[in-house]
C-alpha atoms as a PDB file:
ATOM      1  CA  MET A   1      53.993  95.343  62.014  1.00  0.00           C
ATOM      2  CA  LYS A   2      57.271  95.354  60.485  1.00  0.00           C
ATOM      3  CA  LYS A   3      57.260  98.559  59.435  1.00  0.00           C
ATOM      4  CA  VAL A   4      55.745 100.225  62.105  1.00  0.00           C
ATOM      5  CA  LEU A   5      58.434  98.393  64.140  1.00  0.00           C
ATOM      6  CA  ARG A   6      61.119 100.025  61.536  1.00  0.00           C
ATOM      7  CA  PHE A   7      59.802 103.230  62.026  1.00  0.00           C
ATOM      8  CA  LEU A   8      59.596 103.211  65.928  1.00  0.00           C
ATOM      9  CA  PHE A   9      63.825 102.119  65.200  1.00  0.00           C
ATOM     10  CA  TYR A  10      64.879 104.515  63.506  1.00  0.00           C
ATOM     11  CA  THR A  11      62.531 107.322  65.058  1.00  0.00           C
ATOM     12  CA  VAL A  12      64.280 106.493  68.157  1.00  0.00           C
ATOM     13  CA  VAL A  13      67.731 106.517  66.693  1.00  0.00           C
ATOM     14  CA  VAL A  14      67.440 109.783  64.900  1.00  0.00           C
ATOM     15  CA  GLY A  15      66.671 111.076  68.336  1.00  0.00           C
ATOM     16  CA  TYR A  16      69.803 109.924  69.865  1.00  0.00           C
ATOM     17  CA  ALA A  17      71.105 110.944  67.163  1.00  0.00           C
ATOM     18  CA  VAL A  18      70.166 114.770  67.837  1.00  0.00           C
ATOM     19  CA  ILE A  19      70.439 114.620  71.420  1.00  0.00           C
ATOM     20  CA  THR A  20      73.737 113.550  70.956  1.00  0.00           C
ATOM     21  CA  LEU A  21      75.164 115.832  68.123  1.00  0.00           C
ATOM     22  CA  GLY A  22      73.219 118.636  69.329  1.00  0.00           C
ATOM     23  CA  PRO A  23      75.644 119.932  72.203  1.00  0.00           C
ATOM     24  CA  PHE A  24      78.458 119.368  70.055  1.00  0.00           C
ATOM     25  CA  ILE A  25      77.244 121.416  66.887  1.00  0.00           C
ATOM     26  CA  TRP A  26      76.198 123.940  69.509  1.00  0.00           C
ATOM     27  CA  SER A  27      79.862 124.002  70.553  1.00  0.00           C
ATOM     28  CA  ILE A  28      80.820 124.162  67.030  1.00  0.00           C
ATOM     29  CA  ILE A  29      78.364 127.722  65.986  1.00  0.00           C
ATOM     30  CA  THR A  30      79.601 128.649  69.258  1.00  0.00           C
ATOM     31  CA  SER A  31      83.212 129.194  68.581  1.00  0.00           C
ATOM     32  CA  LEU A  32      82.626 130.594  65.587  1.00  0.00           C
ATOM     33  CA  LYS A  33      80.569 133.314  66.572  1.00  0.00           C
ATOM     34  CA  PRO A  34      81.510 136.602  67.611  1.00  0.00           C
ATOM     35  CA  THR A  35      81.617 137.875  71.075  1.00  0.00           C
ATOM     36  CA  SER A  36      79.198 140.864  70.511  1.00  0.00           C
ATOM     37  CA  GLU A  37      76.636 137.563  68.822  1.00  0.00           C
ATOM     38  CA  LEU A  38      76.853 135.445  71.764  1.00  0.00           C
ATOM     39  CA  ASN A  39      74.055 135.968  74.000  1.00  0.00           C
ATOM     40  CA  THR A  40      71.646 135.511  70.610  1.00  0.00           C
ATOM     41  CA  PHE A  41      70.164 132.126  69.623  1.00  0.00           C
ATOM     42  CA  ALA A  42      70.218 133.624  65.777  1.00  0.00           C
ATOM     43  CA  VAL A  43      73.371 132.148  63.535  1.00  0.00           C
ATOM     44  CA  ASN A  44      74.321 134.627  61.376  1.00  0.00           C
ATOM     45  CA  ILE A  45      77.075 132.695  58.723  1.00  0.00           C
ATOM     46  CA  LYS A  46      78.060 135.861  57.386  1.00  0.00           C
ATOM     47  CA  HIS A  47      79.529 137.006  61.211  1.00  0.00           C
ATOM     48  CA  LEU A  48      80.854 133.332  61.808  1.00  0.00           C
ATOM     49  CA  THR A  49      84.656 133.745  61.901  1.00  0.00           C
ATOM     50  CA  LEU A  50      87.947 131.889  63.262  1.00  0.00           C
ATOM     51  CA  ASP A  51      89.072 134.627  65.071  1.00  0.00           C
ATOM     52  CA  ASN A  52      88.522 132.361  68.174  1.00  0.00           C
ATOM     53  CA  TYR A  53      91.063 129.864  67.308  1.00  0.00           C
ATOM     54  CA  LYS A  54      93.648 132.282  66.145  1.00  0.00           C
ATOM     55  CA  MET A  55      93.252 133.833  69.309  1.00  0.00           C
ATOM     56  CA  ILE A  56      93.330 131.085  71.833  1.00  0.00           C
ATOM     57  CA  ILE A  57      95.812 129.894  70.057  1.00  0.00           C
ATOM     58  CA  THR A  58      98.676 132.806  69.723  1.00  0.00           C
ATOM     59  CA  LYS A  59      97.869 134.690  72.649  1.00  0.00           C
ATOM     60  CA  PHE A  60      98.115 131.824  75.075  1.00  0.00           C
ATOM     61  CA  PRO A  61      99.813 129.110  75.856  1.00  0.00           C
ATOM     62  CA  PHE A  62      98.080 127.036  73.926  1.00  0.00           C
ATOM     63  CA  LEU A  63     100.355 124.909  71.884  1.00  0.00           C
ATOM     64  CA  ARG A  64     102.195 124.033  74.625  1.00  0.00           C
ATOM     65  CA  TRP A  65      99.291 122.530  76.381  1.00  0.00           C
ATOM     66  CA  PHE A  66      98.862 120.753  73.613  1.00  0.00           C
ATOM     67  CA  ILE A  67     102.075 119.336  73.304  1.00  0.00           C
ATOM     68  CA  ASN A  68     102.627 118.337  76.495  1.00  0.00           C
ATOM     69  CA  SER A  69      98.936 116.441  76.364  1.00  0.00           C
ATOM     70  CA  ALA A  70     100.360 114.531  73.309  1.00  0.00           C
ATOM     71  CA  ILE A  71     103.531 113.320  75.050  1.00  0.00           C
ATOM     72  CA  VAL A  72     101.988 112.041  77.847  1.00  0.00           C
ATOM     73  CA  ALA A  73      99.243 110.574  76.277  1.00  0.00           C
ATOM     74  CA  VAL A  74     101.311 108.941  73.577  1.00  0.00           C
ATOM     75  CA  ILE A  75     103.878 107.626  76.191  1.00  0.00           C
ATOM     76  CA  VAL A  76     101.117 106.362  78.645  1.00  0.00           C
ATOM     77  CA  THR A  77      99.471 104.769  75.937  1.00  0.00           C
ATOM     78  CA  LEU A  78     102.432 102.963  74.069  1.00  0.00           C
ATOM     79  CA  GLY A  79     103.545 101.958  77.713  1.00  0.00           C
ATOM     80  CA  ASN A  80     100.078 100.402  78.782  1.00  0.00           C
ATOM     81  CA  ILE A  81     100.689  98.766  75.358  1.00  0.00           C
ATOM     82  CA  LEU A  82     103.059  96.666  75.636  1.00  0.00           C
ATOM     83  CA  PHE A  83     103.110  96.237  79.166  1.00  0.00           C
ATOM     84  CA  ASN A  84      99.875  95.247  79.991  1.00  0.00           C
ATOM     85  CA  SER A  85     100.120  92.859  76.345  1.00  0.00           C
ATOM     86  CA  MET A  86     103.268  91.022  78.137  1.00  0.00           C
ATOM     87  CA  ALA A  87     101.597  90.742  81.544  1.00  0.00           C
ATOM     88  CA  GLY A  88      98.289  89.705  79.654  1.00  0.00           C
ATOM     89  CA  TYR A  89     100.195  87.453  77.945  1.00  0.00           C
ATOM     90  CA  ALA A  90     101.693  85.640  80.997  1.00  0.00           C
ATOM     91  CA  LEU A  91      98.617  85.178  82.591  1.00  0.00           C
ATOM     92  CA  ALA A  92      97.042  83.630  79.349  1.00  0.00           C
ATOM     93  CA  ARG A  93     100.374  81.037  78.273  1.00  0.00           C
ATOM     94  CA  ILE A  94     102.680  80.885  81.074  1.00  0.00           C
ATOM     95  CA  ASN A  95     102.025  77.948  84.037  1.00  0.00           C
ATOM     96  CA  PHE A  96     103.280  79.732  87.098  1.00  0.00           C
ATOM     97  CA  PRO A  97     102.968  79.024  90.630  1.00  0.00           C
ATOM     98  CA  GLY A  98      99.614  81.709  92.152  1.00  0.00           C
ATOM     99  CA  ARG A  99      99.162  82.397  88.113  1.00  0.00           C
ATOM    100  CA  ASN A 100      95.320  82.120  88.979  1.00  0.00           C
ATOM    101  CA  LEU A 101      95.578  84.171  92.614  1.00  0.00           C
ATOM    102  CA  LEU A 102      97.727  87.242  90.723  1.00  0.00           C
ATOM    103  CA  PHE A 103      95.052  87.020  87.903  1.00  0.00           C
ATOM    104  CA  MET A 104      92.296  87.430  90.847  1.00  0.00           C
ATOM    105  CA  VAL A 105      94.346  90.440  92.330  1.00  0.00           C
ATOM    106  CA  VAL A 106      93.784  92.439  89.382  1.00  0.00           C
ATOM    107  CA  LEU A 107      90.557  91.896  88.989  1.00  0.00           C
ATOM    108  CA  ALA A 108      90.305  93.063  92.449  1.00  0.00           C
ATOM    109  CA  LEU A 109      92.287  96.352  91.640  1.00  0.00           C
ATOM    110  CA  MET A 110      89.658  96.903  89.001  1.00  0.00           C
ATOM    111  CA  MET A 111      87.271  97.299  91.550  1.00  0.00           C
ATOM    112  CA  VAL A 112      89.738  99.746  93.823  1.00  0.00           C
ATOM    113  CA  PRO A 113      88.495 103.571  92.835  1.00  0.00           C
ATOM    114  CA  GLY A 114      91.427 105.604  92.050  1.00  0.00           C
ATOM    115  CA  GLN A 115      90.566 108.590  94.423  1.00  0.00           C
ATOM    116  CA  VAL A 116      91.552 105.554  97.222  1.00  0.00           C
ATOM    117  CA  VAL A 117      95.261 105.808  96.102  1.00  0.00           C
ATOM    118  CA  MET A 118      95.308 109.311  95.189  1.00  0.00           C
ATOM    119  CA  VAL A 119      96.964 110.498  98.648  1.00  0.00           C
ATOM    120  CA  PRO A 120      99.644 107.573  98.901  1.00  0.00           C
ATOM    121  CA  THR A 121     100.400 108.118  95.075  1.00  0.00           C
ATOM    122  CA  TYR A 122     100.761 111.908  95.513  1.00  0.00           C
ATOM    123  CA  ILE A 123     103.201 111.683  98.500  1.00  0.00           C
ATOM    124  CA  LEU A 124     105.484 108.946  96.932  1.00  0.00           C
ATOM    125  CA  LEU A 125     105.680 111.430  93.915  1.00  0.00           C
ATOM    126  CA  SER A 126     106.429 114.189  96.163  1.00  0.00           C
ATOM    127  CA  LYS A 127     109.255 112.110  97.846  1.00  0.00           C
ATOM    128  CA  LEU A 128     110.541 111.274  94.318  1.00  0.00           C
ATOM    129  CA  GLY A 129     110.906 114.599  92.953  1.00  0.00           C
ATOM    130  CA  TRP A 130     108.391 113.748  90.500  1.00  0.00           C
ATOM    131  CA  VAL A 131     105.499 116.737  91.055  1.00  0.00           C
ATOM    132  CA  ASN A 132     105.168 118.749  87.606  1.00  0.00           C
ATOM    133  CA  THR A 133     107.698 116.412  85.905  1.00  0.00           C
ATOM    134  CA  TYR A 134     106.552 114.050  82.865  1.00  0.00           C
ATOM    135  CA  MET A 135     108.300 111.060  84.992  1.00  0.00           C
ATOM    136  CA  GLY A 136     104.963 111.670  87.432  1.00  0.00           C
ATOM    137  CA  LEU A 137     102.303 112.152  84.668  1.00  0.00           C
ATOM    138  CA  THR A 138     103.720 109.167  82.589  1.00  0.00           C
ATOM    139  CA  ILE A 139     105.854 106.307  84.512  1.00  0.00           C
ATOM    140  CA  PRO A 140     103.179 105.559  87.506  1.00  0.00           C
ATOM    141  CA  PHE A 141     100.262 104.895  84.613  1.00  0.00           C
ATOM    142  CA  LEU A 142     102.112 102.945  81.838  1.00  0.00           C
ATOM    143  CA  THR A 143     100.051  99.772  83.109  1.00  0.00           C
ATOM    144  CA  SER A 144      96.355  98.927  83.708  1.00  0.00           C
ATOM    145  CA  ASN A 145      94.673  96.220  85.096  1.00  0.00           C
ATOM    146  CA  PHE A 146      91.767  96.736  82.716  1.00  0.00           C
ATOM    147  CA  GLY A 147      94.152  96.514  79.844  1.00  0.00           C
ATOM    148  CA  ILE A 148      95.556  93.398  81.340  1.00  0.00           C
ATOM    149  CA  PHE A 149      92.642  91.672  81.153  1.00  0.00           C
ATOM    150  CA  LEU A 150      91.686  93.013  78.414  1.00  0.00           C
ATOM    151  CA  MET A 151      94.720  91.423  76.688  1.00  0.00           C
ATOM    152  CA  ARG A 152      94.673  88.204  78.769  1.00  0.00           C
ATOM    153  CA  GLN A 153      91.230  87.333  77.186  1.00  0.00           C
ATOM    154  CA  PHE A 154      92.033  87.707  74.032  1.00  0.00           C
ATOM    155  CA  PHE A 155      94.768  85.891  73.929  1.00  0.00           C
ATOM    156  CA  LEU A 156      92.861  82.806  75.638  1.00  0.00           C
ATOM    157  CA  SER A 157      91.242  83.090  71.964  1.00  0.00           C
ATOM    158  CA  LEU A 158      94.265  82.284  70.216  1.00  0.00           C
ATOM    159  CA  PRO A 159      94.919  79.092  68.710  1.00  0.00           C
ATOM    160  CA  LYS A 160      98.012  77.472  70.816  1.00  0.00           C
ATOM    161  CA  GLU A 161      98.901  75.743  67.892  1.00  0.00           C
ATOM    162  CA  LEU A 162     100.380  78.354  66.396  1.00  0.00           C
ATOM    163  CA  GLU A 163     102.758  79.087  69.476  1.00  0.00           C
ATOM    164  CA  GLU A 164     103.611  75.446  69.363  1.00  0.00           C
ATOM    165  CA  ALA A 165     104.457  75.596  65.803  1.00  0.00           C
ATOM    166  CA  ALA A 166     106.598  78.805  66.189  1.00  0.00           C
ATOM    167  CA  THR A 167     108.149  76.857  69.250  1.00  0.00           C
ATOM    168  CA  ILE A 168     108.764  73.929  66.981  1.00  0.00           C
ATOM    169  CA  ASP A 169     110.611  76.434  64.285  1.00  0.00           C
ATOM    170  CA  GLY A 170     112.804  77.684  67.015  1.00  0.00           C
ATOM    171  CA  LEU A 171     111.013  80.885  68.449  1.00  0.00           C
ATOM    172  CA  SER A 172     112.534  82.100  72.228  1.00  0.00           C
ATOM    173  CA  ARG A 173     109.241  82.879  74.564  1.00  0.00           C
ATOM    174  CA  PHE A 174     109.434  86.293  73.214  1.00  0.00           C
ATOM    175  CA  GLY A 175     109.614  85.972  69.845  1.00  0.00           C
ATOM    176  CA  ILE A 176     106.588  84.120  69.859  1.00  0.00           C
ATOM    177  CA  PHE A 177     105.052  87.169  71.656  1.00  0.00           C
ATOM    178  CA  PHE A 178     106.309  89.531  69.338  1.00  0.00           C
ATOM    179  CA  LYS A 179     106.324  87.650  65.750  1.00  0.00           C
ATOM    180  CA  ILE A 180     103.448  85.685  65.978  1.00  0.00           C
ATOM    181  CA  VAL A 181     100.909  87.177  68.389  1.00  0.00           C
ATOM    182  CA  LEU A 182     100.929  90.665  68.596  1.00  0.00           C
ATOM    183  CA  PRO A 183     100.484  90.909  65.026  1.00  0.00           C
ATOM    184  CA  LEU A 184      97.630  88.603  65.446  1.00  0.00           C
ATOM    185  CA  SER A 185      96.359  90.816  68.171  1.00  0.00           C
ATOM    186  CA  LYS A 186      95.651  93.847  66.160  1.00  0.00           C
ATOM    187  CA  PRO A 187      91.784  94.465  67.040  1.00  0.00           C
ATOM    188  CA  ALA A 188      92.749  93.623  71.180  1.00  0.00           C
ATOM    189  CA  LEU A 189      95.456  96.591  70.746  1.00  0.00           C
ATOM    190  CA  ALA A 190      93.560  99.123  68.554  1.00  0.00           C
ATOM    191  CA  THR A 191      90.784  98.984  71.077  1.00  0.00           C
ATOM    192  CA  GLN A 192      93.391  99.175  73.937  1.00  0.00           C
ATOM    193  CA  PHE A 193      95.104 101.883  72.460  1.00  0.00           C
ATOM    194  CA  ILE A 194      91.807 104.074  71.912  1.00  0.00           C
ATOM    195  CA  PHE A 195      90.592 103.164  75.613  1.00  0.00           C
ATOM    196  CA  MET A 196      94.540 104.577  76.827  1.00  0.00           C
ATOM    197  CA  PHE A 197      94.611 107.302  74.411  1.00  0.00           C
ATOM    198  CA  THR A 198      90.879 108.684  74.740  1.00  0.00           C
ATOM    199  CA  GLY A 199      91.688 108.679  78.872  1.00  0.00           C
ATOM    200  CA  ASN A 200      95.016 110.318  79.357  1.00  0.00           C
ATOM    201  CA  TRP A 201      94.281 112.177  76.489  1.00  0.00           C
ATOM    202  CA  ASN A 202      91.094 113.698  78.250  1.00  0.00           C
ATOM    203  CA  SER A 203      92.435 113.369  82.116  1.00  0.00           C
ATOM    204  CA  PHE A 204      92.271 116.063  84.310  1.00  0.00           C
ATOM    205  CA  LEU A 205      92.190 115.081  87.830  1.00  0.00           C
ATOM    206  CA  TRP A 206      95.594 113.607  87.849  1.00  0.00           C
ATOM    207  CA  PRO A 207      97.683 116.248  85.950  1.00  0.00           C
ATOM    208  CA  SER A 208      95.499 118.967  87.753  1.00  0.00           C
ATOM    209  CA  LEU A 209      97.743 117.764  91.006  1.00  0.00           C
ATOM    210  CA  LEU A 210     100.888 116.900  89.642  1.00  0.00           C
ATOM    211  CA  THR A 211     101.177 119.959  88.061  1.00  0.00           C
ATOM    212  CA  SER A 212     101.936 123.373  89.106  1.00  0.00           C
ATOM    213  CA  SER A 213     102.953 125.441  86.308  1.00  0.00           C
ATOM    214  CA  ASP A 214     101.652 127.196  83.284  1.00  0.00           C
ATOM    215  CA  ASP A 215     104.241 124.966  81.157  1.00  0.00           C
ATOM    216  CA  MET A 216     103.624 121.742  82.505  1.00  0.00           C
ATOM    217  CA  TYR A 217      99.742 122.274  82.127  1.00  0.00           C
ATOM    218  CA  THR A 218      97.793 119.490  79.641  1.00  0.00           C
ATOM    219  CA  LEU A 219      95.172 120.376  77.658  1.00  0.00           C
ATOM    220  CA  PRO A 220      92.337 119.858  79.796  1.00  0.00           C
ATOM    221  CA  VAL A 221      94.115 121.234  82.785  1.00  0.00           C
ATOM    222  CA  GLY A 222      95.014 124.559  80.942  1.00  0.00           C
ATOM    223  CA  LEU A 223      91.845 124.897  79.171  1.00  0.00           C
ATOM    224  CA  ASN A 224      90.260 125.051  82.875  1.00  0.00           C
ATOM    225  CA  SER A 225      92.850 127.782  84.148  1.00  0.00           C
ATOM    226  CA  PHE A 226      92.054 129.416  80.688  1.00  0.00           C
ATOM    227  CA  TYR A 227      87.665 129.509  81.960  1.00  0.00           C
ATOM    228  CA  GLY A 228      88.345 130.575  85.126  1.00  0.00           C
ATOM    229  CA  GLN A 229      89.564 133.368  83.969  1.00  0.00           C
ATOM    230  CA  TYR A 230      87.584 134.215  80.990  1.00  0.00           C
ATOM    231  CA  TYR A 231      84.125 132.573  81.511  1.00  0.00           C
ATOM    232  CA  GLN A 232      82.725 135.178  79.976  1.00  0.00           C
ATOM    233  CA  PHE A 233      84.157 134.314  76.437  1.00  0.00           C
ATOM    234  CA  TRP A 234      82.017 131.313  76.167  1.00  0.00           C
ATOM    235  CA  ASN A 235      83.341 131.061  72.119  1.00  0.00           C
ATOM    236  CA  GLN A 236      87.230 131.242  73.412  1.00  0.00           C
ATOM    237  CA  VAL A 237      86.057 128.632  75.544  1.00  0.00           C
ATOM    238  CA  MET A 238      84.080 126.112  73.011  1.00  0.00           C
ATOM    239  CA  ALA A 239      87.133 126.594  70.581  1.00  0.00           C
ATOM    240  CA  GLY A 240      89.438 125.239  73.052  1.00  0.00           C
ATOM    241  CA  ALA A 241      87.233 122.652  73.768  1.00  0.00           C
ATOM    242  CA  ILE A 242      86.380 121.811  70.050  1.00  0.00           C
ATOM    243  CA  LEU A 243      90.432 121.229  69.574  1.00  0.00           C
ATOM    244  CA  LEU A 244      90.608 119.272  72.509  1.00  0.00           C
ATOM    245  CA  THR A 245      87.961 116.537  71.213  1.00  0.00           C
ATOM    246  CA  LEU A 246      89.324 116.293  67.075  1.00  0.00           C
ATOM    247  CA  PRO A 247      92.391 114.267  68.185  1.00  0.00           C
ATOM    248  CA  THR A 248      89.754 111.869  69.945  1.00  0.00           C
ATOM    249  CA  ILE A 249      87.606 111.626  67.264  1.00  0.00           C
ATOM    250  CA  LEU A 250      90.354 111.284  64.706  1.00  0.00           C
ATOM    251  CA  ILE A 251      91.846 108.363  66.871  1.00  0.00           C
ATOM    252  CA  PHE A 252      88.602 106.737  67.058  1.00  0.00           C
ATOM    253  CA  LEU A 253      87.266 106.841  63.106  1.00  0.00           C
ATOM    254  CA  ILE A 254      90.981 105.470  62.427  1.00  0.00           C
ATOM    255  CA  PHE A 255      90.707 102.512  64.659  1.00  0.00           C
ATOM    256  CA  GLN A 256      86.943 102.079  64.829  1.00  0.00           C
ATOM    257  CA  ARG A 257      86.799  99.154  62.542  1.00  0.00           C
ATOM    258  CA  TYR A 258      89.271  97.282  64.942  1.00  0.00           C
ATOM    259  CA  PHE A 259      87.631  98.913  67.689  1.00  0.00           C
ATOM    260  CA  VAL A 260      84.407  96.810  66.895  1.00  0.00           C
ATOM    261  CA  LYS A 261      86.280  93.270  66.524  1.00  0.00           C
ATOM    262  CA  GLY A 262      88.212  93.723  69.654  1.00  0.00           C
ATOM    263  CA  ILE A 263      85.089  94.406  71.845  1.00  0.00           C
ATOM    264  CA  SER A 264      83.951  91.465  69.966  1.00  0.00           C
ATOM    265  CA  THR A 265      86.183  88.753  70.103  1.00  0.00           C
ATOM    266  CA  THR A 266      87.482  89.575  74.261  1.00  0.00           C
ATOM    267  CA  GLY A 267      84.823  88.434  76.071  1.00  0.00           C
ATOM    268  CA  LEU A 268      82.912  91.871  77.138  1.00  0.00           C
ATOM    269  CA  LYS A 269      80.193  92.522  74.571  1.00  0.00           C
END
């Protein structure tokens, strides 16, 4: 009976892996095909080429889009890690009037769809002159209700005795936070880093609204415009999509050990 169950389990896992990896593998193969073989299912290994990657990098502002995405994703991710951690620590450890009410507000705002605040946010950014600028793409997104919730839950799991001992040794509240609490929070910080980086790297809606020139496009927005103009060249579109995906895959592979630990210790499993 155990052998049958094990066989069924591995069958399901392998089947799921094939279904999940199939489109990605097809995209890689398509990105390596010459245009003359796009409409054929057969794959001629001898004809596979990197010319599609060379073309989109050299003939289109792909590198500029890539740099814009990197700047936005890094700034927003680092800002979220700092500010969400500080807010989460305050809600977990500092007793102040209205703390529980404020946490309820944070939870309530997690349920508000982003589309609800889209128009007022855009109007505000327009009046500030931040449309089509790095400030508009980064500053409004430096905090996250989910990130605050994530960090608060993790900080609640840390023993208070460590902070009390640090207080006796003369550390200030900020000293405790930066020298004691954050070094112990690597799993939660890695989890937050993966969520924030991948979310902002792949973000399309807000950058498409806030950017209006080619030199400010992020990679997803730039690839969308590329797709609209050259939609018949699927090999080039797939080459751009693969380059868009690679950084997020690398980030996950680097931080996956901390990611799994962070999910299991923050009440989210």
